[in-house]
Amino acid sequence: MNTIKVADYVHGGTQKDFYSEIEVENCNCPLCNSNDFNFLFRERGNIGIVECRNCNLIYVNPRIKSLEKIYWGDPEKYFEEARFIFLDKKPHHRDRNYIEELKQIKKHKFPGKLLDIGCNMGFFLRKAKEMGYDSYGIDPSPSLTQLGRKYFDLNIENNFLEKSSFQGKSFDVITIIDVFEHITGPKEFLKQVHGLLKDDGLVCIKVPNGNYNKMKLSIAKVLQKDEGADIFDSYEHIVHYSILTMRKMIKACKFKVKELFQPLPIQSPVWHLYVGQYFQYPSPFCLDWKRNIARNIFYQIGKIEGVLKLPVYFSPDLMFLIEKE
């Protein structure tokens, strides 16, 4: 659980610690369109986290307007965040996650033409290219896409998916890694993905586990540490899926689950807490050892939950490999 700092640190995005009432908007449930919900928590001023009473989806309501523009920040600041990665002097802090996830995908579909949606600066995409996939990316951020093209020589289109130049049924693999939780209209989005995928193709969706964040909130309340906590990353993560609600979403969009996988936990760097600057390469274990150990313990317990076919609360993330019905 991250506590928001009073003094903001230097980062490329345009996220803020506080959002006023005029900066947020109300919405219905992205899965069932109901407006009947239980209120769970409030973050960053006027951002709310709720749970749908009809389908149990956890989502952000009210949410900030023009969500995608958070990542339309200063390209020079983004470059500084990843400078040593671009210069091939440091790994990205998620490289081990990306390699593991690609290995899971490769078991089911390889070689082939791969599209990474919401590819950011191309950190996952470059690993897919190194692994041998014919790799393409798309992202709406002008700042991020220009960096991925310039420093990694990647084929990235700066666009929204619904406006892309891609032809129907042209991809063997479509990856949506740490992106689906950002999508305001997930059902419409998945239907567009369905149209771009070959009939025998594979889609990989990785999302944070909504049950995990709900559990963290319960623990924070018991310990009386919930005030000012930034548990749901609600300025950017606007839908929080459990295995149950993700299966409902997948089914509603004419897909079926081929495999459910619990990926390694993300160990985010904590440079900004010490130097006031966000960097995307790993920070030393000693700087954040308590949370690193806790995430690994929770991950192992989550795997046990999965084996026992229990509702999964302890695994921080979920990865779904899906195909057309």
C-alpha atoms as a PDB file:
ATOM      1  CA  MET A   1       0.000   0.000   0.000  1.00  0.00           C
ATOM      2  CA  ASN A   2       1.539   3.299  -1.123  1.00  0.00           C
ATOM      3  CA  THR A   3       0.928   6.520   0.751  1.00  0.00           C
ATOM      4  CA  ILE A   4       0.701   9.628  -1.420  1.00  0.00           C
ATOM      5  CA  LYS A   5       3.450  12.136  -0.705  1.00  0.00           C
ATOM      6  CA  VAL A   6       2.542  15.739   0.076  1.00  0.00           C
ATOM      7  CA  ALA A   7       5.369  16.993  -2.158  1.00  0.00           C
ATOM      8  CA  ASP A   8       5.014  15.435  -5.604  1.00  0.00           C
ATOM      9  CA  TYR A   9       8.071  13.842  -7.173  1.00  0.00           C
ATOM     10  CA  VAL A  10       9.346  14.271 -10.733  1.00  0.00           C
ATOM     11  CA  HIS A  11       7.668  11.904 -13.211  1.00  0.00           C
ATOM     12  CA  GLY A  12       6.703  11.972 -16.862  1.00  0.00           C
ATOM     13  CA  GLY A  13       2.962  11.520 -16.410  1.00  0.00           C
ATOM     14  CA  THR A  14       0.420  14.208 -15.501  1.00  0.00           C
ATOM     15  CA  GLN A  15      -1.185  12.412 -12.537  1.00  0.00           C
ATOM     16  CA  LYS A  16      -1.975  14.459  -9.430  1.00  0.00           C
ATOM     17  CA  ASP A  17      -2.448  13.765  -5.731  1.00  0.00           C
ATOM     18  CA  PHE A  18      -5.828  15.524  -5.624  1.00  0.00           C
ATOM     19  CA  TYR A  19      -8.694  15.709  -8.119  1.00  0.00           C
ATOM     20  CA  SER A  20     -11.538  18.178  -7.656  1.00  0.00           C
ATOM     21  CA  GLU A  21     -15.229  17.489  -8.343  1.00  0.00           C
ATOM     22  CA  ILE A  22     -15.052  19.153 -11.762  1.00  0.00           C
ATOM     23  CA  GLU A  23     -12.192  16.845 -12.824  1.00  0.00           C
ATOM     24  CA  VAL A  24     -14.155  13.618 -12.323  1.00  0.00           C
ATOM     25  CA  GLU A  25     -17.251  12.065 -13.906  1.00  0.00           C
ATOM     26  CA  ASN A  26     -19.813   9.466 -12.877  1.00  0.00           C
ATOM     27  CA  CYS A  27     -20.248   6.242 -14.835  1.00  0.00           C
ATOM     28  CA  ASN A  28     -22.219   2.991 -14.856  1.00  0.00           C
ATOM     29  CA  CYS A  29     -20.721  -0.444 -14.350  1.00  0.00           C
ATOM     30  CA  PRO A  30     -18.465  -1.232 -17.359  1.00  0.00           C
ATOM     31  CA  LEU A  31     -19.599  -4.878 -17.325  1.00  0.00           C
ATOM     32  CA  CYS A  32     -23.387  -4.877 -16.785  1.00  0.00           C
ATOM     33  CA  ASN A  33     -24.194  -1.133 -17.106  1.00  0.00           C
ATOM     34  CA  SER A  34     -25.900  -1.049 -13.694  1.00  0.00           C
ATOM     35  CA  ASN A  35     -25.686   2.064 -11.543  1.00  0.00           C
ATOM     36  CA  ASP A  36     -26.408   0.198  -8.303  1.00  0.00           C
ATOM     37  CA  PHE A  37     -23.247  -0.165  -6.254  1.00  0.00           C
ATOM     38  CA  ASN A  38     -21.663  -0.333  -2.810  1.00  0.00           C
ATOM     39  CA  PHE A  39     -19.143   2.378  -1.998  1.00  0.00           C
ATOM     40  CA  LEU A  40     -15.746   0.976  -0.930  1.00  0.00           C
ATOM     41  CA  PHE A  41     -13.189   3.764  -0.700  1.00  0.00           C
ATOM     42  CA  ARG A  42     -12.155   7.237  -1.820  1.00  0.00           C
ATOM     43  CA  GLU A  43      -8.725   8.207  -3.163  1.00  0.00           C
ATOM     44  CA  ARG A  44      -6.972  11.357  -4.334  1.00  0.00           C
ATOM     45  CA  GLY A  45      -9.748  13.710  -3.341  1.00  0.00           C
ATOM     46  CA  ASN A  46     -12.889  12.881  -5.306  1.00  0.00           C
ATOM     47  CA  ILE A  47     -12.103   9.554  -6.990  1.00  0.00           C
ATOM     48  CA  GLY A  48     -14.361   6.753  -5.731  1.00  0.00           C
ATOM     49  CA  ILE A  49     -13.989   2.964  -5.734  1.00  0.00           C
ATOM     50  CA  VAL A  50     -17.233   0.992  -5.794  1.00  0.00           C
ATOM     51  CA  GLU A  51     -18.483  -2.577  -6.237  1.00  0.00           C
ATOM     52  CA  CYS A  52     -21.429  -3.341  -8.509  1.00  0.00           C
ATOM     53  CA  ARG A  53     -24.313  -4.980  -6.624  1.00  0.00           C
ATOM     54  CA  ASN A  54     -25.483  -6.718  -9.788  1.00  0.00           C
ATOM     55  CA  CYS A  55     -22.297  -8.366 -11.154  1.00  0.00           C
ATOM     56  CA  ASN A  56     -19.707  -7.724  -8.364  1.00  0.00           C
ATOM     57  CA  LEU A  57     -17.286  -5.823 -10.612  1.00  0.00           C
ATOM     58  CA  ILE A  58     -15.046  -3.390  -8.714  1.00  0.00           C
ATOM     59  CA  TYR A  59     -14.634  -0.148 -10.649  1.00  0.00           C
ATOM     60  CA  VAL A  60     -13.833   3.536 -10.210  1.00  0.00           C
ATOM     61  CA  ASN A  61     -16.813   5.880  -9.923  1.00  0.00           C
ATOM     62  CA  PRO A  62     -16.487   8.791 -10.179  1.00  0.00           C
ATOM     63  CA  ARG A  63     -13.357   8.554 -12.323  1.00  0.00           C
ATOM     64  CA  ILE A  64     -11.130  11.268 -13.770  1.00  0.00           C
ATOM     65  CA  LYS A  65     -11.968  12.697 -17.181  1.00  0.00           C
ATOM     66  CA  SER A  66      -9.754  12.105 -20.244  1.00  0.00           C
ATOM     67  CA  LEU A  67      -7.948   9.288 -18.462  1.00  0.00           C
ATOM     68  CA  GLU A  68      -5.648   8.456 -21.380  1.00  0.00           C
ATOM     69  CA  LYS A  69      -4.042  11.922 -21.292  1.00  0.00           C
ATOM     70  CA  ILE A  70      -2.243  11.069 -18.039  1.00  0.00           C
ATOM     71  CA  TYR A  71       0.417   9.497 -20.255  1.00  0.00           C
ATOM     72  CA  TRP A  72       0.662  12.385 -22.689  1.00  0.00           C
ATOM     73  CA  GLY A  73       3.347  14.040 -20.588  1.00  0.00           C
ATOM     74  CA  ASP A  74       6.760  15.537 -21.244  1.00  0.00           C
ATOM     75  CA  PRO A  75       8.851  13.181 -23.449  1.00  0.00           C
ATOM     76  CA  GLU A  76      12.083  14.520 -21.942  1.00  0.00           C
ATOM     77  CA  LYS A  77      10.935  13.481 -18.457  1.00  0.00           C
ATOM     78  CA  TYR A  78       9.884  10.071 -19.781  1.00  0.00           C
ATOM     79  CA  PHE A  79      13.307   9.721 -21.366  1.00  0.00           C
ATOM     80  CA  GLU A  80      14.994  10.441 -18.036  1.00  0.00           C
ATOM     81  CA  GLU A  81      12.850   7.769 -16.362  1.00  0.00           C
ATOM     82  CA  ALA A  82      14.158   5.148 -18.795  1.00  0.00           C
ATOM     83  CA  ARG A  83      17.457   6.651 -19.958  1.00  0.00           C
ATOM     84  CA  PHE A  84      19.689   3.782 -18.776  1.00  0.00           C
ATOM     85  CA  ILE A  85      17.285   1.247 -20.305  1.00  0.00           C
ATOM     86  CA  PHE A  86      17.326   3.022 -23.661  1.00  0.00           C
ATOM     87  CA  LEU A  87      21.133   3.097 -23.504  1.00  0.00           C
ATOM     88  CA  ASP A  88      21.165  -0.642 -22.683  1.00  0.00           C
ATOM     89  CA  LYS A  89      22.939  -0.042 -19.372  1.00  0.00           C
ATOM     90  CA  LYS A  90      20.129  -1.242 -17.079  1.00  0.00           C
ATOM     91  CA  PRO A  91      17.232  -3.727 -17.377  1.00  0.00           C
ATOM     92  CA  HIS A  92      13.647  -2.573 -17.023  1.00  0.00           C
ATOM     93  CA  HIS A  93      12.195  -3.472 -13.636  1.00  0.00           C
ATOM     94  CA  ARG A  94       9.529  -5.597 -15.344  1.00  0.00           C
ATOM     95  CA  ASP A  95      11.822  -7.484 -17.735  1.00  0.00           C
ATOM     96  CA  ARG A  96      11.605 -10.678 -15.689  1.00  0.00           C
ATOM     97  CA  ASN A  97       7.804 -10.369 -15.719  1.00  0.00           C
ATOM     98  CA  TYR A  98       7.703  -9.795 -19.492  1.00  0.00           C
ATOM     99  CA  ILE A  99       9.976 -12.755 -20.210  1.00  0.00           C
ATOM    100  CA  GLU A 100       7.890 -15.072 -18.030  1.00  0.00           C
ATOM    101  CA  GLU A 101       4.649 -13.892 -19.650  1.00  0.00           C
ATOM    102  CA  LEU A 102       6.022 -14.312 -23.174  1.00  0.00           C
ATOM    103  CA  LYS A 103       7.153 -17.835 -22.356  1.00  0.00           C
ATOM    104  CA  GLN A 104       3.589 -18.688 -21.358  1.00  0.00           C
ATOM    105  CA  ILE A 105       2.255 -17.225 -24.608  1.00  0.00           C
ATOM    106  CA  LYS A 106       4.907 -19.017 -26.666  1.00  0.00           C
ATOM    107  CA  LYS A 107       3.710 -22.407 -25.339  1.00  0.00           C
ATOM    108  CA  HIS A 108       0.414 -21.874 -27.172  1.00  0.00           C
ATOM    109  CA  LYS A 109       1.236 -19.703 -30.200  1.00  0.00           C
ATOM    110  CA  PHE A 110       4.603 -19.243 -31.906  1.00  0.00           C
ATOM    111  CA  PRO A 111       5.811 -17.923 -34.293  1.00  0.00           C
ATOM    112  CA  GLY A 112       3.394 -15.301 -35.539  1.00  0.00           C
ATOM    113  CA  LYS A 113       2.368 -11.702 -35.913  1.00  0.00           C
ATOM    114  CA  LEU A 114       1.941 -10.048 -32.499  1.00  0.00           C
ATOM    115  CA  LEU A 115       0.158  -6.818 -31.587  1.00  0.00           C
ATOM    116  CA  ASP A 116       0.799  -5.241 -28.183  1.00  0.00           C
ATOM    117  CA  ILE A 117      -2.014  -2.827 -27.318  1.00  0.00           C
ATOM    118  CA  GLY A 118      -1.139   0.037 -24.989  1.00  0.00           C
ATOM    119  CA  CYS A 119       2.541  -0.660 -25.556  1.00  0.00           C
ATOM    120  CA  ASN A 120       3.810   2.458 -23.741  1.00  0.00           C
ATOM    121  CA  MET A 121       7.493   2.987 -24.649  1.00  0.00           C
ATOM    122  CA  GLY A 122       7.740  -0.574 -25.927  1.00  0.00           C
ATOM    123  CA  PHE A 123       9.363  -2.415 -23.018  1.00  0.00           C
ATOM    124  CA  PHE A 124       7.237  -5.552 -23.438  1.00  0.00           C
ATOM    125  CA  LEU A 125       7.209  -5.224 -27.224  1.00  0.00           C
ATOM    126  CA  ARG A 126      11.003  -5.212 -27.484  1.00  0.00           C
ATOM    127  CA  LYS A 127      11.117  -8.493 -25.553  1.00  0.00           C
ATOM    128  CA  ALA A 128       8.513  -9.999 -27.892  1.00  0.00           C
ATOM    129  CA  LYS A 129      10.635  -8.907 -30.852  1.00  0.00           C
ATOM    130  CA  GLU A 130      13.776 -10.427 -29.267  1.00  0.00           C
ATOM    131  CA  MET A 131      11.869 -13.683 -28.754  1.00  0.00           C
ATOM    132  CA  GLY A 132      11.118 -13.893 -32.469  1.00  0.00           C
ATOM    133  CA  TYR A 133       7.607 -12.528 -32.897  1.00  0.00           C
ATOM    134  CA  ASP A 134       6.757 -10.253 -35.836  1.00  0.00           C
ATOM    135  CA  SER A 135       5.943  -7.428 -33.430  1.00  0.00           C
ATOM    136  CA  TYR A 136       3.666  -4.395 -33.712  1.00  0.00           C
ATOM    137  CA  GLY A 137       2.451  -1.947 -31.093  1.00  0.00           C
ATOM    138  CA  ILE A 138      -0.191   0.716 -30.660  1.00  0.00           C
ATOM    139  CA  ASP A 139      -0.572   3.414 -28.010  1.00  0.00           C
ATOM    140  CA  PRO A 140      -2.479   6.739 -27.904  1.00  0.00           C
ATOM    141  CA  SER A 141       0.357   8.665 -26.209  1.00  0.00           C
ATOM    142  CA  PRO A 142       2.447  10.750 -28.652  1.00  0.00           C
ATOM    143  CA  SER A 143       5.226  11.082 -26.049  1.00  0.00           C
ATOM    144  CA  LEU A 144       5.588   7.381 -25.328  1.00  0.00           C
ATOM    145  CA  THR A 145       5.299   6.089 -28.878  1.00  0.00           C
ATOM    146  CA  GLN A 146       7.962   8.432 -30.255  1.00  0.00           C
ATOM    147  CA  LEU A 147      10.433   7.168 -27.627  1.00  0.00           C
ATOM    148  CA  GLY A 148       9.723   3.511 -28.422  1.00  0.00           C
ATOM    149  CA  ARG A 149      10.228   4.091 -32.129  1.00  0.00           C
ATOM    150  CA  LYS A 150      13.371   6.177 -31.665  1.00  0.00           C
ATOM    151  CA  TYR A 151      15.307   4.144 -29.097  1.00  0.00           C
ATOM    152  CA  PHE A 152      14.060   0.576 -29.643  1.00  0.00           C
ATOM    153  CA  ASP A 153      13.344   0.825 -33.401  1.00  0.00           C
ATOM    154  CA  LEU A 154       9.876  -0.643 -32.872  1.00  0.00           C
ATOM    155  CA  ASN A 155       6.901  -0.619 -35.220  1.00  0.00           C
ATOM    156  CA  ILE A 156       4.460   1.386 -33.071  1.00  0.00           C
ATOM    157  CA  GLU A 157       1.379   3.236 -34.267  1.00  0.00           C
ATOM    158  CA  ASN A 158       0.352   6.308 -32.286  1.00  0.00           C
ATOM    159  CA  ASN A 159      -3.402   5.872 -32.257  1.00  0.00           C
ATOM    160  CA  PHE A 160      -6.465   4.591 -30.455  1.00  0.00           C
ATOM    161  CA  LEU A 161      -7.365   1.011 -31.320  1.00  0.00           C
ATOM    162  CA  GLU A 162     -10.705   1.918 -32.898  1.00  0.00           C
ATOM    163  CA  LYS A 163      -8.932   4.312 -35.281  1.00  0.00           C
ATOM    164  CA  SER A 164      -5.977   2.083 -36.129  1.00  0.00           C
ATOM    165  CA  SER A 165      -4.803   1.153 -39.601  1.00  0.00           C
ATOM    166  CA  PHE A 166      -4.754  -2.583 -38.833  1.00  0.00           C
ATOM    167  CA  GLN A 167      -6.763  -4.978 -40.983  1.00  0.00           C
ATOM    168  CA  GLY A 168      -9.272  -7.482 -39.584  1.00  0.00           C
ATOM    169  CA  LYS A 169      -8.120 -10.983 -38.596  1.00  0.00           C
ATOM    170  CA  SER A 170      -4.469 -10.079 -39.144  1.00  0.00           C
ATOM    171  CA  PHE A 171      -2.819 -11.036 -35.826  1.00  0.00           C
ATOM    172  CA  ASP A 172      -1.859 -14.409 -34.380  1.00  0.00           C
ATOM    173  CA  VAL A 173      -1.290 -12.986 -30.912  1.00  0.00           C
ATOM    174  CA  ILE A 174      -2.703  -9.865 -29.273  1.00  0.00           C
ATOM    175  CA  THR A 175      -1.309  -8.840 -25.898  1.00  0.00           C
ATOM    176  CA  ILE A 176      -2.970  -6.493 -23.418  1.00  0.00           C
ATOM    177  CA  ILE A 177      -0.405  -6.359 -20.618  1.00  0.00           C
ATOM    178  CA  ASP A 178      -1.189  -4.131 -17.610  1.00  0.00           C
ATOM    179  CA  VAL A 179      -3.546  -2.144 -19.855  1.00  0.00           C
ATOM    180  CA  PHE A 180      -7.071  -3.598 -19.654  1.00  0.00           C
ATOM    181  CA  GLU A 181      -7.617  -2.055 -16.203  1.00  0.00           C
ATOM    182  CA  HIS A 182      -7.181   1.388 -17.843  1.00  0.00           C
ATOM    183  CA  ILE A 183      -9.940   0.906 -20.442  1.00  0.00           C
ATOM    184  CA  THR A 184     -13.177   2.861 -19.875  1.00  0.00           C
ATOM    185  CA  GLY A 185     -15.214   0.741 -22.316  1.00  0.00           C
ATOM    186  CA  PRO A 186     -13.778  -2.778 -21.928  1.00  0.00           C
ATOM    187  CA  LYS A 187     -16.609  -4.627 -23.713  1.00  0.00           C
ATOM    188  CA  GLU A 188     -16.367  -2.454 -26.819  1.00  0.00           C
ATOM    189  CA  PHE A 189     -12.574  -2.717 -26.661  1.00  0.00           C
ATOM    190  CA  LEU A 190     -12.594  -6.536 -26.542  1.00  0.00           C
ATOM    191  CA  LYS A 191     -15.003  -6.674 -29.463  1.00  0.00           C
ATOM    192  CA  GLN A 192     -12.482  -4.664 -31.511  1.00  0.00           C
ATOM    193  CA  VAL A 193      -9.757  -7.091 -30.421  1.00  0.00           C
ATOM    194  CA  HIS A 194     -11.990  -9.978 -31.545  1.00  0.00           C
ATOM    195  CA  GLY A 195     -12.138  -8.481 -35.035  1.00  0.00           C
ATOM    196  CA  LEU A 196      -8.346  -8.092 -35.341  1.00  0.00           C
ATOM    197  CA  LEU A 197      -7.537 -11.615 -34.160  1.00  0.00           C
ATOM    198  CA  LYS A 198      -7.190 -14.564 -36.529  1.00  0.00           C
ATOM    199  CA  ASP A 199      -9.722 -17.318 -35.939  1.00  0.00           C
ATOM    200  CA  ASP A 200      -7.062 -19.559 -34.375  1.00  0.00           C
ATOM    201  CA  GLY A 201      -5.311 -16.670 -32.609  1.00  0.00           C
ATOM    202  CA  LEU A 202      -4.531 -16.065 -28.948  1.00  0.00           C
ATOM    203  CA  VAL A 203      -5.159 -13.051 -26.719  1.00  0.00           C
ATOM    204  CA  CYS A 204      -3.213 -12.452 -23.508  1.00  0.00           C
ATOM    205  CA  ILE A 205      -4.758 -10.149 -20.899  1.00  0.00           C
ATOM    206  CA  LYS A 206      -2.890  -9.358 -17.690  1.00  0.00           C
ATOM    207  CA  VAL A 207      -4.600  -7.315 -14.976  1.00  0.00           C
ATOM    208  CA  PRO A 208      -4.176  -6.500 -11.281  1.00  0.00           C
ATOM    209  CA  ASN A 209      -6.300  -8.756  -9.081  1.00  0.00           C
ATOM    210  CA  GLY A 210      -9.282  -6.790  -7.775  1.00  0.00           C
ATOM    211  CA  ASN A 211      -9.698  -9.177  -4.845  1.00  0.00           C
ATOM    212  CA  TYR A 212      -6.077  -8.524  -3.831  1.00  0.00           C
ATOM    213  CA  ASN A 213      -6.658  -4.770  -3.637  1.00  0.00           C
ATOM    214  CA  LYS A 214      -9.925  -5.303  -1.773  1.00  0.00           C
ATOM    215  CA  MET A 215      -8.041  -7.456   0.742  1.00  0.00           C
ATOM    216  CA  LYS A 216      -5.349  -4.763   1.111  1.00  0.00           C
ATOM    217  CA  LEU A 217      -8.083  -2.217   1.846  1.00  0.00           C
ATOM    218  CA  SER A 218      -9.545  -4.454   4.568  1.00  0.00           C
ATOM    219  CA  ILE A 219      -6.115  -4.870   6.173  1.00  0.00           C
ATOM    220  CA  ALA A 220      -5.452  -1.116   6.006  1.00  0.00           C
ATOM    221  CA  LYS A 221      -8.757  -0.366   7.720  1.00  0.00           C
ATOM    222  CA  VAL A 222      -8.056  -2.874  10.500  1.00  0.00           C
ATOM    223  CA  LEU A 223      -4.608  -1.325  11.034  1.00  0.00           C
ATOM    224  CA  GLN A 224      -6.121   2.175  10.732  1.00  0.00           C
ATOM    225  CA  LYS A 225      -3.735   3.007   7.888  1.00  0.00           C
ATOM    226  CA  ASP A 226      -6.324   3.613   5.168  1.00  0.00           C
ATOM    227  CA  GLU A 227      -6.412   7.423   5.416  1.00  0.00           C
ATOM    228  CA  GLY A 228      -4.457   8.848   2.477  1.00  0.00           C
ATOM    229  CA  ALA A 229      -3.602   5.385   1.159  1.00  0.00           C
ATOM    230  CA  ASP A 230      -3.261   4.856  -2.592  1.00  0.00           C
ATOM    231  CA  ILE A 231      -4.370   1.219  -2.730  1.00  0.00           C
ATOM    232  CA  PHE A 232      -6.268   1.044  -6.020  1.00  0.00           C
ATOM    233  CA  ASP A 233      -4.115   3.376  -8.189  1.00  0.00           C
ATOM    234  CA  SER A 234      -7.481   4.870  -9.077  1.00  0.00           C
ATOM    235  CA  TYR A 235      -6.094   7.768 -11.115  1.00  0.00           C
ATOM    236  CA  GLU A 236      -5.221   5.225 -13.816  1.00  0.00           C
ATOM    237  CA  HIS A 237      -6.683   1.806 -12.903  1.00  0.00           C
ATOM    238  CA  ILE A 238     -10.414   2.282 -13.338  1.00  0.00           C
ATOM    239  CA  VAL A 239     -11.627  -1.337 -13.420  1.00  0.00           C
ATOM    240  CA  HIS A 240     -10.480  -4.009 -10.955  1.00  0.00           C
ATOM    241  CA  TYR A 241     -11.148  -7.560 -12.109  1.00  0.00           C
ATOM    242  CA  SER A 242     -11.401 -10.756 -10.111  1.00  0.00           C
ATOM    243  CA  ILE A 243     -11.271 -14.157 -11.802  1.00  0.00           C
ATOM    244  CA  LEU A 244     -15.088 -14.271 -11.656  1.00  0.00           C
ATOM    245  CA  THR A 245     -15.732 -10.846 -13.199  1.00  0.00           C
ATOM    246  CA  MET A 246     -13.023 -11.283 -15.843  1.00  0.00           C
ATOM    247  CA  ARG A 247     -14.590 -14.579 -16.915  1.00  0.00           C
ATOM    248  CA  LYS A 248     -17.928 -12.785 -17.253  1.00  0.00           C
ATOM    249  CA  MET A 249     -16.320 -10.061 -19.373  1.00  0.00           C
ATOM    250  CA  ILE A 250     -14.537 -12.585 -21.592  1.00  0.00           C
ATOM    251  CA  LYS A 251     -17.723 -14.591 -22.127  1.00  0.00           C
ATOM    252  CA  ALA A 252     -19.748 -11.470 -22.960  1.00  0.00           C
ATOM    253  CA  CYS A 253     -17.295 -10.669 -25.779  1.00  0.00           C
ATOM    254  CA  LYS A 254     -17.395 -14.158 -27.401  1.00  0.00           C
ATOM    255  CA  PHE A 255     -14.081 -15.395 -26.068  1.00  0.00           C
ATOM    256  CA  LYS A 256     -13.268 -18.369 -23.858  1.00  0.00           C
ATOM    257  CA  VAL A 257     -10.462 -18.922 -21.368  1.00  0.00           C
ATOM    258  CA  LYS A 258      -7.726 -21.245 -22.601  1.00  0.00           C
ATOM    259  CA  GLU A 259      -5.498 -20.865 -19.551  1.00  0.00           C
ATOM    260  CA  LEU A 260      -5.452 -18.844 -16.350  1.00  0.00           C
ATOM    261  CA  PHE A 261      -1.994 -18.026 -15.060  1.00  0.00           C
ATOM    262  CA  GLN A 262      -0.780 -16.221 -11.937  1.00  0.00           C
ATOM    263  CA  PRO A 263       2.273 -14.213 -13.037  1.00  0.00           C
ATOM    264  CA  LEU A 264       5.203 -13.130 -10.922  1.00  0.00           C
ATOM    265  CA  PRO A 265       4.512 -10.055  -8.761  1.00  0.00           C
ATOM    266  CA  ILE A 266       5.711  -6.693 -10.053  1.00  0.00           C
ATOM    267  CA  GLN A 267       8.452  -5.265  -7.849  1.00  0.00           C
ATOM    268  CA  SER A 268       8.179  -1.552  -8.587  1.00  0.00           C
ATOM    269  CA  PRO A 269      11.278   0.598  -8.062  1.00  0.00           C
ATOM    270  CA  VAL A 270      11.218   3.116  -5.201  1.00  0.00           C
ATOM    271  CA  TRP A 271      13.887   5.597  -6.322  1.00  0.00           C
ATOM    272  CA  HIS A 272      11.434   8.503  -6.057  1.00  0.00           C
ATOM    273  CA  LEU A 273      11.136   8.043  -2.288  1.00  0.00           C
ATOM    274  CA  TYR A 274      14.853   8.715  -1.899  1.00  0.00           C
ATOM    275  CA  VAL A 275      15.969  10.926  -4.780  1.00  0.00           C
ATOM    276  CA  GLY A 276      12.712  12.633  -5.814  1.00  0.00           C
ATOM    277  CA  GLN A 277      12.888  11.206  -9.341  1.00  0.00           C
ATOM    278  CA  TYR A 278      11.025   8.205 -10.787  1.00  0.00           C
ATOM    279  CA  PHE A 279      13.282   5.733 -12.618  1.00  0.00           C
ATOM    280  CA  GLN A 280      12.112   2.575 -14.378  1.00  0.00           C
ATOM    281  CA  TYR A 281      15.094   0.356 -13.690  1.00  0.00           C
ATOM    282  CA  PRO A 282      15.159  -1.834 -10.529  1.00  0.00           C
ATOM    283  CA  SER A 283      16.034  -0.320  -7.178  1.00  0.00           C
ATOM    284  CA  PRO A 284      18.133  -2.295  -4.652  1.00  0.00           C
ATOM    285  CA  PHE A 285      16.272  -4.915  -2.646  1.00  0.00           C
ATOM    286  CA  CYS A 286      17.296  -3.251   0.618  1.00  0.00           C
ATOM    287  CA  LEU A 287      15.364  -0.072  -0.206  1.00  0.00           C
ATOM    288  CA  ASP A 288      12.018  -1.851  -0.240  1.00  0.00           C
ATOM    289  CA  TRP A 289      12.674  -5.274   1.280  1.00  0.00           C
ATOM    290  CA  LYS A 290       9.504  -5.464   3.389  1.00  0.00           C
ATOM    291  CA  ARG A 291       7.136  -4.994   0.454  1.00  0.00           C
ATOM    292  CA  ASN A 292       9.243  -7.198  -1.818  1.00  0.00           C
ATOM    293  CA  ILE A 293       9.042 -10.057   0.667  1.00  0.00           C
ATOM    294  CA  ALA A 294       5.339  -9.469   1.328  1.00  0.00           C
ATOM    295  CA  ARG A 295       4.489  -9.525  -2.395  1.00  0.00           C
ATOM    296  CA  ASN A 296       6.378 -12.795  -2.863  1.00  0.00           C
ATOM    297  CA  ILE A 297       4.659 -14.418   0.125  1.00  0.00           C
ATOM    298  CA  PHE A 298       1.238 -13.289  -1.086  1.00  0.00           C
ATOM    299  CA  TYR A 299       2.053 -14.574  -4.566  1.00  0.00           C
ATOM    300  CA  GLN A 300       2.903 -18.047  -3.228  1.00  0.00           C
ATOM    301  CA  ILE A 301      -0.295 -18.155  -1.153  1.00  0.00           C
ATOM    302  CA  GLY A 302      -2.250 -17.034  -4.226  1.00  0.00           C
ATOM    303  CA  LYS A 303      -0.839 -19.926  -6.225  1.00  0.00           C
ATOM    304  CA  ILE A 304      -2.052 -22.316  -3.527  1.00  0.00           C
ATOM    305  CA  GLU A 305      -5.502 -20.711  -3.678  1.00  0.00           C
ATOM    306  CA  GLY A 306      -5.519 -21.314  -7.430  1.00  0.00           C
ATOM    307  CA  VAL A 307      -4.487 -24.965  -7.115  1.00  0.00           C
ATOM    308  CA  LEU A 308      -7.243 -25.539  -4.539  1.00  0.00           C
ATOM    309  CA  LYS A 309      -9.793 -23.828  -6.844  1.00  0.00           C
ATOM    310  CA  LEU A 310     -10.532 -21.199  -4.184  1.00  0.00           C
ATOM    311  CA  PRO A 311     -11.323 -17.538  -4.852  1.00  0.00           C
ATOM    312  CA  VAL A 312      -7.893 -15.957  -5.400  1.00  0.00           C
ATOM    313  CA  TYR A 313      -7.187 -13.029  -3.060  1.00  0.00           C
ATOM    314  CA  PHE A 314      -3.437 -13.181  -2.463  1.00  0.00           C
ATOM    315  CA  SER A 315      -2.084 -13.187  -6.016  1.00  0.00           C
ATOM    316  CA  PRO A 316      -1.357  -9.528  -6.962  1.00  0.00           C
ATOM    317  CA  ASP A 317      -1.981 -10.097 -10.700  1.00  0.00           C
ATOM    318  CA  LEU A 318      -3.935 -12.404 -13.009  1.00  0.00           C
ATOM    319  CA  MET A 319      -3.129 -13.390 -16.585  1.00  0.00           C
ATOM    320  CA  PHE A 320      -5.736 -14.834 -18.946  1.00  0.00           C
ATOM    321  CA  LEU A 321      -4.904 -16.563 -22.208  1.00  0.00           C
ATOM    322  CA  ILE A 322      -8.099 -16.525 -24.247  1.00  0.00           C
ATOM    323  CA  GLU A 323      -9.296 -17.546 -27.706  1.00  0.00           C
ATOM    324  CA  LYS A 324     -12.400 -17.123 -29.827  1.00  0.00           C
ATOM    325  CA  GLU A 325     -15.403 -19.291 -28.958  1.00  0.00           C
END
